[in-house]
């Protein structure tokens, strides 16, 4: 199962790494592919994770989640 997140505020590879680490710490997240150039994170899950949990992990790192699909 995958979710794609649209994230604003990522400007560089360091930003990507910060968001990736935050998302991959969540129980149920197998991996996260993050791109500052497209402003997206594709999150691979092995069990259901509420969108609010994903959003909180990103916003705690001072990035803005615009959309989760």
C-alpha atoms as a PDB file:
ATOM      1  CA  UNK A   1       0.000   0.000   0.000  1.00  0.00           C
ATOM      2  CA  UNK A   2       1.312   3.445  -0.912  1.00  0.00           C
ATOM      3  CA  UNK A   3       0.395   7.022  -0.109  1.00  0.00           C
ATOM      4  CA  UNK A   4       1.699  10.074  -1.922  1.00  0.00           C
ATOM      5  CA  UNK A   5       2.124  13.288   0.012  1.00  0.00           C
ATOM      6  CA  UNK A   6       2.474  16.763  -1.500  1.00  0.00           C
ATOM      7  CA  UNK A   7       4.844  18.737   0.743  1.00  0.00           C
ATOM      8  CA  UNK A   8       5.823  22.412   0.618  1.00  0.00           C
ATOM      9  CA  UNK A   9       9.047  23.885   1.985  1.00  0.00           C
ATOM     10  CA  UNK A  10      11.652  21.304   0.974  1.00  0.00           C
ATOM     11  CA  UNK A  11      14.542  23.071  -0.743  1.00  0.00           C
ATOM     12  CA  UNK A  12      17.483  20.635  -0.786  1.00  0.00           C
ATOM     13  CA  UNK A  13      18.650  17.035  -0.262  1.00  0.00           C
ATOM     14  CA  UNK A  14      19.001  17.732   3.471  1.00  0.00           C
ATOM     15  CA  UNK A  15      15.283  18.564   3.588  1.00  0.00           C
ATOM     16  CA  UNK A  16      14.543  15.278   1.793  1.00  0.00           C
ATOM     17  CA  UNK A  17      16.571  13.334   4.359  1.00  0.00           C
ATOM     18  CA  UNK A  18      14.824  15.052   7.273  1.00  0.00           C
ATOM     19  CA  UNK A  19      11.362  14.211   5.934  1.00  0.00           C
ATOM     20  CA  UNK A  20      12.404  10.660   4.995  1.00  0.00           C
ATOM     21  CA  UNK A  21      13.723   9.943   8.504  1.00  0.00           C
ATOM     22  CA  UNK A  22      10.608  11.420  10.139  1.00  0.00           C
ATOM     23  CA  UNK A  23       8.277   9.289   8.028  1.00  0.00           C
ATOM     24  CA  UNK A  24      10.297   6.079   8.341  1.00  0.00           C
ATOM     25  CA  UNK A  25      10.153   6.299  12.158  1.00  0.00           C
ATOM     26  CA  UNK A  26       6.388   5.732  12.029  1.00  0.00           C
ATOM     27  CA  UNK A  27       5.154   2.233  12.834  1.00  0.00           C
ATOM     28  CA  UNK A  28       3.743   0.757   9.627  1.00  0.00           C
ATOM     29  CA  UNK A  29       5.962   2.749   7.264  1.00  0.00           C
ATOM     30  CA  UNK A  30       8.303   0.456   5.326  1.00  0.00           C
ATOM     31  CA  UNK A  31      10.010   3.197   3.312  1.00  0.00           C
ATOM     32  CA  UNK A  32       9.636   6.743   2.069  1.00  0.00           C
ATOM     33  CA  UNK A  33      10.900   8.113  -1.246  1.00  0.00           C
ATOM     34  CA  UNK A  34      11.162  11.888  -0.892  1.00  0.00           C
ATOM     35  CA  UNK A  35      11.956  14.477  -3.580  1.00  0.00           C
ATOM     36  CA  UNK A  36      12.462  18.168  -2.956  1.00  0.00           C
ATOM     37  CA  UNK A  37      12.372  18.862  -6.713  1.00  0.00           C
ATOM     38  CA  UNK A  38       8.830  17.499  -7.089  1.00  0.00           C
ATOM     39  CA  UNK A  39       7.753  18.336  -3.535  1.00  0.00           C
ATOM     40  CA  UNK A  40       6.488  14.829  -2.908  1.00  0.00           C
ATOM     41  CA  UNK A  41       6.954  11.861  -0.630  1.00  0.00           C
ATOM     42  CA  UNK A  42       5.807   8.395  -1.649  1.00  0.00           C
ATOM     43  CA  UNK A  43       5.301   6.356   1.496  1.00  0.00           C
ATOM     44  CA  UNK A  44       5.160   2.543   1.368  1.00  0.00           C
ATOM     45  CA  UNK A  45       3.139   0.984   4.186  1.00  0.00           C
ATOM     46  CA  UNK A  46       2.836  -2.571   5.488  1.00  0.00           C
ATOM     47  CA  UNK A  47      -0.308  -1.747   7.500  1.00  0.00           C
ATOM     48  CA  UNK A  48      -2.816   1.127   7.573  1.00  0.00           C
ATOM     49  CA  UNK A  49      -1.458   4.413   8.928  1.00  0.00           C
ATOM     50  CA  UNK A  50      -3.776   7.362   9.460  1.00  0.00           C
ATOM     51  CA  UNK A  51      -3.044  10.386   7.273  1.00  0.00           C
ATOM     52  CA  UNK A  52      -2.970  12.581  10.390  1.00  0.00           C
ATOM     53  CA  UNK A  53      -0.007  10.607  11.748  1.00  0.00           C
ATOM     54  CA  UNK A  54       1.948  11.097   8.528  1.00  0.00           C
ATOM     55  CA  UNK A  55       1.064  14.790   8.391  1.00  0.00           C
ATOM     56  CA  UNK A  56       2.096  15.348  12.011  1.00  0.00           C
ATOM     57  CA  UNK A  57       5.514  13.739  11.450  1.00  0.00           C
ATOM     58  CA  UNK A  58       6.204  16.127   8.553  1.00  0.00           C
ATOM     59  CA  UNK A  59       4.785  19.274  10.147  1.00  0.00           C
ATOM     60  CA  UNK A  60       6.848  18.668  13.288  1.00  0.00           C
ATOM     61  CA  UNK A  61       9.890  19.157  11.028  1.00  0.00           C
ATOM     62  CA  UNK A  62       8.509  22.523   9.849  1.00  0.00           C
ATOM     63  CA  UNK A  63       7.266  21.459   6.405  1.00  0.00           C
ATOM     64  CA  UNK A  64       3.700  21.875   5.166  1.00  0.00           C
ATOM     65  CA  UNK A  65       1.667  18.941   3.892  1.00  0.00           C
ATOM     66  CA  UNK A  66      -0.727  20.141   1.206  1.00  0.00           C
ATOM     67  CA  UNK A  67      -2.283  16.824   0.191  1.00  0.00           C
ATOM     68  CA  UNK A  68      -2.224  13.077   0.919  1.00  0.00           C
ATOM     69  CA  UNK A  69      -3.442  10.570  -1.674  1.00  0.00           C
END
